[in-house]
PDB file of all heavy atoms in Angstrom:
ATOM      1  N   PHE A   1     307.284  71.317 131.212  1.00  0.00           N
ATOM      2  CA  PHE A   1     308.714  71.567 131.716  1.00  0.00           C
ATOM      3  C   PHE A   1     309.394  72.486 130.758  1.00  0.00           C
ATOM      4  O   PHE A   1     310.073  73.477 131.114  1.00  0.00           O
ATOM      5  CB  PHE A   1     309.428  70.143 131.893  1.00  0.00           C
ATOM      6  CG  PHE A   1     310.753  70.310 132.485  1.00  0.00           C
ATOM      7  CD1 PHE A   1     310.785  70.172 133.921  1.00  0.00           C
ATOM      8  CD2 PHE A   1     311.859  70.395 131.924  1.00  0.00           C
ATOM      9  CE1 PHE A   1     312.012  70.223 134.581  1.00  0.00           C
ATOM     10  CE2 PHE A   1     313.156  70.454 132.501  1.00  0.00           C
ATOM     11  CZ  PHE A   1     313.100  70.381 133.862  1.00  0.00           C
ATOM     12  N   ARG A   2     309.311  72.189 129.467  1.00  0.00           N
ATOM     13  CA  ARG A   2     309.936  73.027 128.399  1.00  0.00           C
ATOM     14  C   ARG A   2     309.366  74.460 128.357  1.00  0.00           C
ATOM     15  O   ARG A   2     310.162  75.385 128.305  1.00  0.00           O
ATOM     16  CB  ARG A   2     309.806  72.406 127.071  1.00  0.00           C
ATOM     17  CG  ARG A   2     310.651  71.102 126.885  1.00  0.00           C
ATOM     18  CD  ARG A   2     310.770  70.724 125.435  1.00  0.00           C
ATOM     19  NE  ARG A   2     309.471  70.391 124.955  1.00  0.00           N
ATOM     20  CZ  ARG A   2     308.859  69.113 124.961  1.00  0.00           C
ATOM     21  NH1 ARG A   2     309.564  68.190 125.510  1.00  0.00           N
ATOM     22  NH2 ARG A   2     307.691  68.925 124.427  1.00  0.00           N
ATOM     23  N   THR A   3     308.132  74.602 128.534  1.00  0.00           N
ATOM     24  CA  THR A   3     307.461  75.895 128.448  1.00  0.00           C
ATOM     25  C   THR A   3     308.006  76.678 129.651  1.00  0.00           C
ATOM     26  O   THR A   3     308.348  77.847 129.487  1.00  0.00           O
ATOM     27  CB  THR A   3     305.967  75.723 128.573  1.00  0.00           C
ATOM     28  OG1 THR A   3     305.508  75.061 127.384  1.00  0.00           O
ATOM     29  CG2 THR A   3     305.331  77.147 128.585  1.00  0.00           C
ATOM     30  N   LEU A   4     308.069  76.252 130.921  1.00  0.00           N
ATOM     31  CA  LEU A   4     308.515  76.884 132.033  1.00  0.00           C
ATOM     32  C   LEU A   4     310.038  77.183 131.971  1.00  0.00           C
ATOM     33  O   LEU A   4     310.435  78.259 132.473  1.00  0.00           O
ATOM     34  CB  LEU A   4     308.207  76.092 133.328  1.00  0.00           C
ATOM     35  CG  LEU A   4     306.675  76.035 133.655  1.00  0.00           C
ATOM     36  CD1 LEU A   4     306.531  75.153 134.933  1.00  0.00           C
ATOM     37  CD2 LEU A   4     306.102  77.427 133.823  1.00  0.00           C
ATOM     38  N   GLN A   5     310.796  76.285 131.349  1.00  0.00           N
ATOM     39  CA  GLN A   5     312.158  76.635 131.139  1.00  0.00           C
ATOM     40  C   GLN A   5     312.369  77.855 130.328  1.00  0.00           C
ATOM     41  O   GLN A   5     313.052  78.843 130.589  1.00  0.00           O
ATOM     42  CB  GLN A   5     312.897  75.423 130.457  1.00  0.00           C
ATOM     43  CG  GLN A   5     313.399  74.359 131.387  1.00  0.00           C
ATOM     44  CD  GLN A   5     314.162  73.311 130.702  1.00  0.00           C
ATOM     45  OE1 GLN A   5     313.889  72.914 129.528  1.00  0.00           O
ATOM     46  NE2 GLN A   5     315.133  72.717 131.349  1.00  0.00           N
ATOM     47  N   HIS A   6     311.523  77.972 129.155  1.00  0.00           N
ATOM     48  CA  HIS A   6     311.548  79.191 128.316  1.00  0.00           C
ATOM     49  C   HIS A   6     311.070  80.354 129.031  1.00  0.00           C
ATOM     50  O   HIS A   6     311.594  81.474 128.712  1.00  0.00           O
ATOM     51  CB  HIS A   6     310.711  78.919 127.106  1.00  0.00           C
ATOM     52  CG  HIS A   6     311.210  77.789 126.179  1.00  0.00           C
ATOM     53  ND1 HIS A   6     310.408  77.133 125.318  1.00  0.00           N
ATOM     54  CD2 HIS A   6     312.482  77.274 126.102  1.00  0.00           C
ATOM     55  CE1 HIS A   6     311.138  76.230 124.720  1.00  0.00           C
ATOM     56  NE2 HIS A   6     312.370  76.338 125.156  1.00  0.00           N
ATOM     57  N   ALA A   7     310.298  80.189 130.070  1.00  0.00           N
ATOM     58  CA  ALA A   7     309.805  81.366 130.846  1.00  0.00           C
ATOM     59  C   ALA A   7     310.729  81.755 132.047  1.00  0.00           C
ATOM     60  O   ALA A   7     310.384  82.689 132.811  1.00  0.00           O
ATOM     61  CB  ALA A   7     308.368  81.039 131.456  1.00  0.00           C
ATOM     62  N   GLY A   8     311.821  81.049 132.135  1.00  0.00           N
ATOM     63  CA  GLY A   8     312.824  81.540 133.209  1.00  0.00           C
ATOM     64  C   GLY A   8     312.902  80.577 134.344  1.00  0.00           C
ATOM     65  O   GLY A   8     313.596  80.823 135.383  1.00  0.00           O
ATOM     66  N   PHE A   9     312.125  79.422 134.378  1.00  0.00           N
ATOM     67  CA  PHE A   9     312.205  78.468 135.531  1.00  0.00           C
ATOM     68  C   PHE A   9     313.354  77.492 135.199  1.00  0.00           C
ATOM     69  O   PHE A   9     313.724  77.200 134.152  1.00  0.00           O
ATOM     70  CB  PHE A   9     310.903  77.662 135.681  1.00  0.00           C
ATOM     71  CG  PHE A   9     309.760  78.447 136.208  1.00  0.00           C
ATOM     72  CD1 PHE A   9     309.008  79.405 135.556  1.00  0.00           C
ATOM     73  CD2 PHE A   9     309.352  78.129 137.453  1.00  0.00           C
ATOM     74  CE1 PHE A   9     308.030  80.092 136.056  1.00  0.00           C
ATOM     75  CE2 PHE A   9     308.226  78.782 138.099  1.00  0.00           C
ATOM     76  CZ  PHE A   9     307.582  79.784 137.347  1.00  0.00           C
ATOM     77  N   GLN A  10     313.891  76.977 136.377  1.00  0.00           N
ATOM     78  CA  GLN A  10     315.013  76.052 136.335  1.00  0.00           C
ATOM     79  C   GLN A  10     314.567  74.782 137.107  1.00  0.00           C
ATOM     80  O   GLN A  10     314.157  74.872 138.268  1.00  0.00           O
ATOM     81  CB  GLN A  10     316.279  76.559 136.816  1.00  0.00           C
ATOM     82  CG  GLN A  10     317.378  75.602 136.907  1.00  0.00           C
ATOM     83  CD  GLN A  10     317.877  75.091 135.563  1.00  0.00           C
ATOM     84  OE1 GLN A  10     317.864  75.800 134.532  1.00  0.00           O
ATOM     85  NE2 GLN A  10     318.277  73.845 135.484  1.00  0.00           N
ATOM     86  N   GLY A  11     314.778  73.569 136.554  1.00  0.00           N
ATOM     87  CA  GLY A  11     314.406  72.445 137.282  1.00  0.00           C
ATOM     88  C   GLY A  11     315.523  71.908 138.190  1.00  0.00           C
ATOM     89  O   GLY A  11     316.718  72.063 137.904  1.00  0.00           O
ATOM     90  N   PHE A  12     315.090  71.326 139.309  1.00  0.00           N
ATOM     91  CA  PHE A  12     316.054  70.718 140.162  1.00  0.00           C
ATOM     92  C   PHE A  12     316.543  69.349 139.547  1.00  0.00           C
ATOM     93  O   PHE A  12     317.532  68.818 139.798  1.00  0.00           O
ATOM     94  CB  PHE A  12     315.529  70.442 141.625  1.00  0.00           C
ATOM     95  CG  PHE A  12     315.261  71.659 142.368  1.00  0.00           C
ATOM     96  CD1 PHE A  12     314.034  72.132 142.597  1.00  0.00           C
ATOM     97  CD2 PHE A  12     316.417  72.304 142.914  1.00  0.00           C
ATOM     98  CE1 PHE A  12     313.829  73.313 143.329  1.00  0.00           C
ATOM     99  CE2 PHE A  12     316.216  73.497 143.641  1.00  0.00           C
ATOM    100  CZ  PHE A  12     314.866  74.040 143.844  1.00  0.00           C
ATOM    101  N   SER A  13     315.645  68.746 138.719  1.00  0.00           N
ATOM    102  CA  SER A  13     315.869  67.584 137.873  1.00  0.00           C
ATOM    103  C   SER A  13     314.951  67.620 136.708  1.00  0.00           C
ATOM    104  O   SER A  13     313.992  68.360 136.713  1.00  0.00           O
ATOM    105  CB  SER A  13     315.692  66.300 138.741  1.00  0.00           C
ATOM    106  OG  SER A  13     314.282  66.146 138.922  1.00  0.00           O
ATOM    107  N   ASP A  14     315.352  66.882 135.617  1.00  0.00           N
ATOM    108  CA  ASP A  14     314.394  66.637 134.598  1.00  0.00           C
ATOM    109  C   ASP A  14     313.219  65.781 135.210  1.00  0.00           C
ATOM    110  O   ASP A  14     313.424  65.203 136.311  1.00  0.00           O
ATOM    111  CB  ASP A  14     314.935  65.996 133.469  1.00  0.00           C
ATOM    112  CG  ASP A  14     315.861  66.887 132.684  1.00  0.00           C
ATOM    113  OD1 ASP A  14     315.808  68.158 132.881  1.00  0.00           O
ATOM    114  OD2 ASP A  14     316.677  66.413 131.866  1.00  0.00           O
ATOM    115  N   PRO A  15     312.041  65.705 134.564  1.00  0.00           N
ATOM    116  CA  PRO A  15     310.953  64.866 135.105  1.00  0.00           C
ATOM    117  C   PRO A  15     311.353  63.458 135.346  1.00  0.00           C
ATOM    118  O   PRO A  15     312.063  62.860 134.471  1.00  0.00           O
ATOM    119  CB  PRO A  15     309.943  64.985 133.882  1.00  0.00           C
ATOM    120  CG  PRO A  15     310.102  66.303 133.317  1.00  0.00           C
ATOM    121  CD  PRO A  15     311.660  66.557 133.293  1.00  0.00           C
ATOM    122  N   VAL A  16     310.926  62.970 136.401  1.00  0.00           N
ATOM    123  CA  VAL A  16     311.262  61.569 136.815  1.00  0.00           C
ATOM    124  C   VAL A  16     309.990  60.750 137.086  1.00  0.00           C
ATOM    125  O   VAL A  16     308.938  61.357 137.465  1.00  0.00           O
ATOM    126  CB  VAL A  16     312.085  61.517 138.026  1.00  0.00           C
ATOM    127  CG1 VAL A  16     313.596  62.113 137.733  1.00  0.00           C
ATOM    128  CG2 VAL A  16     311.506  62.183 139.194  1.00  0.00           C
ATOM    129  N   GLU A  17     310.038  59.450 136.787  1.00  0.00           N
ATOM    130  CA  GLU A  17     308.837  58.644 136.938  1.00  0.00           C
ATOM    131  C   GLU A  17     309.114  57.651 138.065  1.00  0.00           C
ATOM    132  O   GLU A  17     310.258  57.106 138.273  1.00  0.00           O
ATOM    133  CB  GLU A  17     308.593  57.845 135.573  1.00  0.00           C
ATOM    134  CG  GLU A  17     307.289  56.912 135.688  1.00  0.00           C
ATOM    135  CD  GLU A  17     306.967  56.351 134.434  1.00  0.00           C
ATOM    136  OE1 GLU A  17     307.174  57.040 133.352  1.00  0.00           O
ATOM    137  OE2 GLU A  17     306.452  55.215 134.413  1.00  0.00           O
ATOM    138  N   PHE A  18     308.109  57.476 138.898  1.00  0.00           N
ATOM    139  CA  PHE A  18     308.218  56.534 140.012  1.00  0.00           C
ATOM    140  C   PHE A  18     306.862  56.148 140.483  1.00  0.00           C
ATOM    141  O   PHE A  18     305.829  56.718 140.008  1.00  0.00           O
ATOM    142  CB  PHE A  18     309.047  57.137 141.171  1.00  0.00           C
ATOM    143  CG  PHE A  18     308.438  58.492 141.725  1.00  0.00           C
ATOM    144  CD1 PHE A  18     307.577  58.478 142.753  1.00  0.00           C
ATOM    145  CD2 PHE A  18     308.781  59.686 141.172  1.00  0.00           C
ATOM    146  CE1 PHE A  18     307.093  59.637 143.280  1.00  0.00           C
ATOM    147  CE2 PHE A  18     308.278  60.885 141.625  1.00  0.00           C
ATOM    148  CZ  PHE A  18     307.374  60.848 142.681  1.00  0.00           C
ATOM    149  N   VAL A  19     306.812  55.184 141.336  1.00  0.00           N
ATOM    150  CA  VAL A  19     305.500  54.646 141.901  1.00  0.00           C
ATOM    151  C   VAL A  19     305.390  55.182 143.306  1.00  0.00           C
ATOM    152  O   VAL A  19     306.178  55.134 144.047  1.00  0.00           O
ATOM    153  CB  VAL A  19     305.507  53.128 141.869  1.00  0.00           C
ATOM    154  CG1 VAL A  19     304.260  52.583 142.629  1.00  0.00           C
ATOM    155  CG2 VAL A  19     305.622  52.524 140.477  1.00  0.00           C
ATOM    156  N   ALA A  20     304.135  55.855 143.460  1.00  0.00           N
ATOM    157  CA  ALA A  20     303.750  56.299 144.703  1.00  0.00           C
ATOM    158  C   ALA A  20     302.407  55.691 144.986  1.00  0.00           C
ATOM    159  O   ALA A  20     301.405  56.156 144.638  1.00  0.00           O
ATOM    160  CB  ALA A  20     303.707  57.864 144.786  1.00  0.00           C
ATOM    161  N   PRO A  21     302.493  54.422 145.579  1.00  0.00           N
ATOM    162  CA  PRO A  21     301.257  53.647 145.711  1.00  0.00           C
ATOM    163  C   PRO A  21     300.078  54.462 146.221  1.00  0.00           C
ATOM    164  O   PRO A  21     300.106  55.176 147.132  1.00  0.00           O
ATOM    165  CB  PRO A  21     301.596  52.537 146.722  1.00  0.00           C
ATOM    166  CG  PRO A  21     303.147  52.479 146.678  1.00  0.00           C
ATOM    167  CD  PRO A  21     303.647  53.882 146.357  1.00  0.00           C
ATOM    168  N   PRO A  22     298.872  54.307 145.417  1.00  0.00           N
ATOM    169  CA  PRO A  22     298.613  53.359 144.372  1.00  0.00           C
ATOM    170  C   PRO A  22     298.838  53.865 142.982  1.00  0.00           C
ATOM    171  O   PRO A  22     298.209  53.365 142.011  1.00  0.00           O
ATOM    172  CB  PRO A  22     297.135  53.030 144.593  1.00  0.00           C
ATOM    173  CG  PRO A  22     296.571  54.336 145.075  1.00  0.00           C
ATOM    174  CD  PRO A  22     297.623  54.972 145.955  1.00  0.00           C
ATOM    175  N   PHE A  23     299.591  55.003 142.933  1.00  0.00           N
ATOM    176  CA  PHE A  23     299.758  55.634 141.585  1.00  0.00           C
ATOM    177  C   PHE A  23     301.129  55.459 140.949  1.00  0.00           C
ATOM    178  O   PHE A  23     302.169  55.365 141.716  1.00  0.00           O
ATOM    179  CB  PHE A  23     299.466  57.119 141.802  1.00  0.00           C
ATOM    180  CG  PHE A  23     298.165  57.497 142.415  1.00  0.00           C
ATOM    181  CD1 PHE A  23     298.136  58.102 143.689  1.00  0.00           C
ATOM    182  CD2 PHE A  23     296.970  57.163 141.816  1.00  0.00           C
ATOM    183  CE1 PHE A  23     296.925  58.365 144.258  1.00  0.00           C
ATOM    184  CE2 PHE A  23     295.682  57.375 142.423  1.00  0.00           C
ATOM    185  CZ  PHE A  23     295.743  58.105 143.702  1.00  0.00           C
ATOM    186  N   ARG A  24     301.184  55.506 139.626  1.00  0.00           N
ATOM    187  CA  ARG A  24     302.410  55.718 138.893  1.00  0.00           C
ATOM    188  C   ARG A  24     302.487  57.159 138.373  1.00  0.00           C
ATOM    189  O   ARG A  24     301.517  57.542 137.778  1.00  0.00           O
ATOM    190  CB  ARG A  24     302.587  54.752 137.838  1.00  0.00           C
ATOM    191  CG  ARG A  24     303.936  54.800 137.153  1.00  0.00           C
ATOM    192  CD  ARG A  24     304.221  53.501 136.299  1.00  0.00           C
ATOM    193  NE  ARG A  24     303.229  53.273 135.304  1.00  0.00           N
ATOM    194  CZ  ARG A  24     303.198  53.691 134.011  1.00  0.00           C
ATOM    195  NH1 ARG A  24     304.229  54.423 133.571  1.00  0.00           N
ATOM    196  NH2 ARG A  24     302.272  53.437 133.116  1.00  0.00           N
ATOM    197  N   VAL A  25     303.543  57.941 138.706  1.00  0.00           N
ATOM    198  CA  VAL A  25     303.474  59.308 138.381  1.00  0.00           C
ATOM    199  C   VAL A  25     304.816  59.816 137.730  1.00  0.00           C
ATOM    200  O   VAL A  25     305.819  59.021 137.812  1.00  0.00           O
ATOM    201  CB  VAL A  25     303.301  60.205 139.671  1.00  0.00           C
ATOM    202  CG1 VAL A  25     302.073  59.851 140.315  1.00  0.00           C
ATOM    203  CG2 VAL A  25     304.416  60.006 140.665  1.00  0.00           C
ATOM    204  N   ARG A  26     304.762  60.986 137.154  1.00  0.00           N
ATOM    205  CA  ARG A  26     305.916  61.712 136.697  1.00  0.00           C
ATOM    206  C   ARG A  26     305.966  63.019 137.417  1.00  0.00           C
ATOM    207  O   ARG A  26     304.859  63.740 137.439  1.00  0.00           O
ATOM    208  CB  ARG A  26     306.061  61.718 135.231  1.00  0.00           C
ATOM    209  CG  ARG A  26     306.064  60.445 134.516  1.00  0.00           C
ATOM    210  CD  ARG A  26     306.341  60.645 132.960  1.00  0.00           C
ATOM    211  NE  ARG A  26     307.826  61.074 132.815  1.00  0.00           N
ATOM    212  CZ  ARG A  26     308.222  61.862 131.832  1.00  0.00           C
ATOM    213  NH1 ARG A  26     307.459  62.335 130.961  1.00  0.00           N
ATOM    214  NH2 ARG A  26     309.537  62.193 131.708  1.00  0.00           N
ATOM    215  N   GLU A  27     307.053  63.455 137.982  1.00  0.00           N
ATOM    216  CA  GLU A  27     307.170  64.688 138.606  1.00  0.00           C
ATOM    217  C   GLU A  27     308.467  65.424 138.402  1.00  0.00           C
ATOM    218  O   GLU A  27     309.438  64.816 138.002  1.00  0.00           O
ATOM    219  CB  GLU A  27     306.964  64.487 140.172  1.00  0.00           C
ATOM    220  CG  GLU A  27     305.609  63.994 140.603  1.00  0.00           C
ATOM    221  CD  GLU A  27     305.553  64.148 142.091  1.00  0.00           C
ATOM    222  OE1 GLU A  27     305.986  65.162 142.800  1.00  0.00           O
ATOM    223  OE2 GLU A  27     304.944  63.225 142.787  1.00  0.00           O
ATOM    224  N   ALA A  28     308.321  66.777 138.580  1.00  0.00           N
ATOM    225  CA  ALA A  28     309.590  67.611 138.566  1.00  0.00           C
ATOM    226  C   ALA A  28     309.338  68.778 139.396  1.00  0.00           C
ATOM    227  O   ALA A  28     308.086  69.254 139.577  1.00  0.00           O
ATOM    228  CB  ALA A  28     309.916  68.005 137.110  1.00  0.00           C
ATOM    229  N   MET A  29     310.313  69.394 140.016  1.00  0.00           N
ATOM    230  CA  MET A  29     310.263  70.656 140.733  1.00  0.00           C
ATOM    231  C   MET A  29     310.999  71.633 140.004  1.00  0.00           C
ATOM    232  O   MET A  29     312.246  71.367 139.691  1.00  0.00           O
ATOM    233  CB  MET A  29     310.675  70.465 142.227  1.00  0.00           C
ATOM    234  CG  MET A  29     309.754  69.748 143.064  1.00  0.00           C
ATOM    235  SD  MET A  29     310.087  69.977 144.823  1.00  0.00           S
ATOM    236  CE  MET A  29     311.430  68.737 144.895  1.00  0.00           C
ATOM    237  N   MET A  30     310.489  72.820 139.819  1.00  0.00           N
ATOM    238  CA  MET A  30     311.050  73.921 139.125  1.00  0.00           C
ATOM    239  C   MET A  30     311.086  75.175 140.005  1.00  0.00           C
ATOM    240  O   MET A  30     310.012  75.553 140.575  1.00  0.00           O
ATOM    241  CB  MET A  30     310.429  74.206 137.821  1.00  0.00           C
ATOM    242  CG  MET A  30     310.358  72.970 136.863  1.00  0.00           C
ATOM    243  SD  MET A  30     309.787  73.332 135.198  1.00  0.00           S
ATOM    244  CE  MET A  30     311.335  73.976 134.475  1.00  0.00           C
ATOM    245  N   VAL A  31     312.183  75.909 140.022  1.00  0.00           N
ATOM    246  CA  VAL A  31     312.248  77.132 140.677  1.00  0.00           C
ATOM    247  C   VAL A  31     312.210  78.322 139.698  1.00  0.00           C
ATOM    248  O   VAL A  31     312.938  78.266 138.714  1.00  0.00           O
ATOM    249  CB  VAL A  31     313.422  77.243 141.692  1.00  0.00           C
ATOM    250  CG1 VAL A  31     314.717  77.160 140.962  1.00  0.00           C
ATOM    251  CG2 VAL A  31     313.446  78.554 142.443  1.00  0.00           C
ATOM    252  N   GLY A  32     311.316  79.308 139.987  1.00  0.00           N
ATOM    253  CA  GLY A  32     311.112  80.454 139.058  1.00  0.00           C
ATOM    254  C   GLY A  32     311.561  81.707 139.626  1.00  0.00           C
ATOM    255  O   GLY A  32     312.269  81.797 140.619  1.00  0.00           O
ATOM    256  N   PRO A  33     311.203  82.825 139.005  1.00  0.00           N
ATOM    257  CA  PRO A  33     311.506  84.095 139.403  1.00  0.00           C
ATOM    258  C   PRO A  33     311.185  84.429 140.833  1.00  0.00           C
ATOM    259  O   PRO A  33     310.072  83.917 141.227  1.00  0.00           O
ATOM    260  CB  PRO A  33     310.737  85.042 138.378  1.00  0.00           C
ATOM    261  CG  PRO A  33     310.567  84.271 137.232  1.00  0.00           C
ATOM    262  CD  PRO A  33     310.417  82.815 137.702  1.00  0.00           C
ATOM    263  N   ASP A  34     312.001  85.025 141.522  1.00  0.00           N
ATOM    264  CA  ASP A  34     311.789  85.396 143.019  1.00  0.00           C
ATOM    265  C   ASP A  34     311.783  84.093 143.894  1.00  0.00           C
ATOM    266  O   ASP A  34     311.324  84.156 145.103  1.00  0.00           O
ATOM    267  CB  ASP A  34     310.540  86.110 143.344  1.00  0.00           C
ATOM    268  CG  ASP A  34     310.519  87.528 142.544  1.00  0.00           C
ATOM    269  OD1 ASP A  34     311.543  88.163 142.536  1.00  0.00           O
ATOM    270  OD2 ASP A  34     309.507  87.935 141.976  1.00  0.00           O
ATOM    271  N   GLY A  35     312.233  82.934 143.336  1.00  0.00           N
ATOM    272  CA  GLY A  35     312.349  81.762 144.185  1.00  0.00           C
ATOM    273  C   GLY A  35     311.095  80.961 144.361  1.00  0.00           C
ATOM    274  O   GLY A  35     311.170  79.966 145.140  1.00  0.00           O
ATOM    275  N   LEU A  36     310.054  81.183 143.729  1.00  0.00           N
ATOM    276  CA  LEU A  36     308.806  80.426 143.887  1.00  0.00           C
ATOM    277  C   LEU A  36     309.056  79.009 143.150  1.00  0.00           C
ATOM    278  O   LEU A  36     309.407  78.986 142.079  1.00  0.00           O
ATOM    279  CB  LEU A  36     307.631  81.060 143.230  1.00  0.00           C
ATOM    280  CG  LEU A  36     306.335  80.226 143.284  1.00  0.00           C
ATOM    281  CD1 LEU A  36     305.870  79.912 144.680  1.00  0.00           C
ATOM    282  CD2 LEU A  36     305.202  80.992 142.468  1.00  0.00           C
ATOM    283  N   VAL A  37     308.877  77.977 143.948  1.00  0.00           N
ATOM    284  CA  VAL A  37     308.936  76.600 143.433  1.00  0.00           C
ATOM    285  C   VAL A  37     307.634  76.040 143.050  1.00  0.00           C
ATOM    286  O   VAL A  37     306.672  76.040 143.916  1.00  0.00           O
ATOM    287  CB  VAL A  37     309.748  75.692 144.402  1.00  0.00           C
ATOM    288  CG1 VAL A  37     309.663  74.313 143.972  1.00  0.00           C
ATOM    289  CG2 VAL A  37     311.179  76.122 144.639  1.00  0.00           C
ATOM    290  N   LEU A  38     307.483  75.510 141.818  1.00  0.00           N
ATOM    291  CA  LEU A  38     306.315  74.788 141.380  1.00  0.00           C
ATOM    292  C   LEU A  38     306.677  73.295 141.249  1.00  0.00           C
ATOM    293  O   LEU A  38     307.603  72.996 140.481  1.00  0.00           O
ATOM    294  CB  LEU A  38     305.800  75.318 140.094  1.00  0.00           C
ATOM    295  CG  LEU A  38     305.180  76.695 140.132  1.00  0.00           C
ATOM    296  CD1 LEU A  38     304.730  77.120 138.732  1.00  0.00           C
ATOM    297  CD2 LEU A  38     303.963  76.791 141.095  1.00  0.00           C
ATOM    298  N   GLY A  39     305.937  72.411 141.942  1.00  0.00           N
ATOM    299  CA  GLY A  39     306.066  70.956 141.773  1.00  0.00           C
ATOM    300  C   GLY A  39     305.084  70.619 140.700  1.00  0.00           C
ATOM    301  O   GLY A  39     303.928  70.826 140.872  1.00  0.00           O
ATOM    302  N   LEU A  40     305.551  69.935 139.672  1.00  0.00           N
ATOM    303  CA  LEU A  40     304.648  69.496 138.577  1.00  0.00           C
ATOM    304  C   LEU A  40     304.355  68.092 138.761  1.00  0.00           C
ATOM    305  O   LEU A  40     305.223  67.201 138.842  1.00  0.00           O
ATOM    306  CB  LEU A  40     305.425  69.713 137.181  1.00  0.00           C
ATOM    307  CG  LEU A  40     306.046  71.030 136.899  1.00  0.00           C
ATOM    308  CD1 LEU A  40     306.688  71.004 135.515  1.00  0.00           C
ATOM    309  CD2 LEU A  40     305.026  72.221 137.018  1.00  0.00           C
ATOM    310  N   LEU A  41     303.062  67.694 138.657  1.00  0.00           N
ATOM    311  CA  LEU A  41     302.620  66.289 138.843  1.00  0.00           C
ATOM    312  C   LEU A  41     301.830  65.768 137.731  1.00  0.00           C
ATOM    313  O   LEU A  41     300.762  66.361 137.430  1.00  0.00           O
ATOM    314  CB  LEU A  41     301.886  66.163 140.215  1.00  0.00           C
ATOM    315  CG  LEU A  41     301.156  64.853 140.466  1.00  0.00           C
ATOM    316  CD1 LEU A  41     302.184  63.645 140.594  1.00  0.00           C
ATOM    317  CD2 LEU A  41     300.290  64.897 141.705  1.00  0.00           C
ATOM    318  N   GLU A  42     302.286  64.808 137.061  1.00  0.00           N
ATOM    319  CA  GLU A  42     301.467  64.131 135.965  1.00  0.00           C
ATOM    320  C   GLU A  42     301.217  62.693 136.504  1.00  0.00           C
ATOM    321  O   GLU A  42     302.166  61.969 136.802  1.00  0.00           O
ATOM    322  CB  GLU A  42     302.180  64.106 134.685  1.00  0.00           C
ATOM    323  CG  GLU A  42     301.333  63.410 133.597  1.00  0.00           C
ATOM    324  CD  GLU A  42     302.025  63.367 132.310  1.00  0.00           C
ATOM    325  OE1 GLU A  42     303.216  63.552 132.201  1.00  0.00           O
ATOM    326  OE2 GLU A  42     301.250  63.109 131.264  1.00  0.00           O
ATOM    327  N   ARG A  43     300.007  62.365 136.542  1.00  0.00           N
ATOM    328  CA  ARG A  43     299.570  61.008 137.027  1.00  0.00           C
ATOM    329  C   ARG A  43     299.487  60.046 135.780  1.00  0.00           C
ATOM    330  O   ARG A  43     298.687  60.325 134.879  1.00  0.00           O
ATOM    331  CB  ARG A  43     298.259  60.926 137.790  1.00  0.00           C
ATOM    332  CG  ARG A  43     298.216  59.775 138.811  1.00  0.00           C
ATOM    333  CD  ARG A  43     297.164  60.028 139.861  1.00  0.00           C
ATOM    334  NE  ARG A  43     295.874  59.925 139.309  1.00  0.00           N
ATOM    335  CZ  ARG A  43     294.688  60.269 139.928  1.00  0.00           C
ATOM    336  NH1 ARG A  43     294.876  60.794 141.144  1.00  0.00           N
ATOM    337  NH2 ARG A  43     293.624  60.092 139.429  1.00  0.00           N
TER     338      ARG A  43
END
């Protein structure tokens, strides 16, 4: 998240943790140059 912020991406939120059965995950969505959105998923 920090690396992409330095590269010009902006998060819709900071990383959030939640349960998506059967997994516990942390996710964030970031919009970068030209509007491309990358969703980051850490299990």
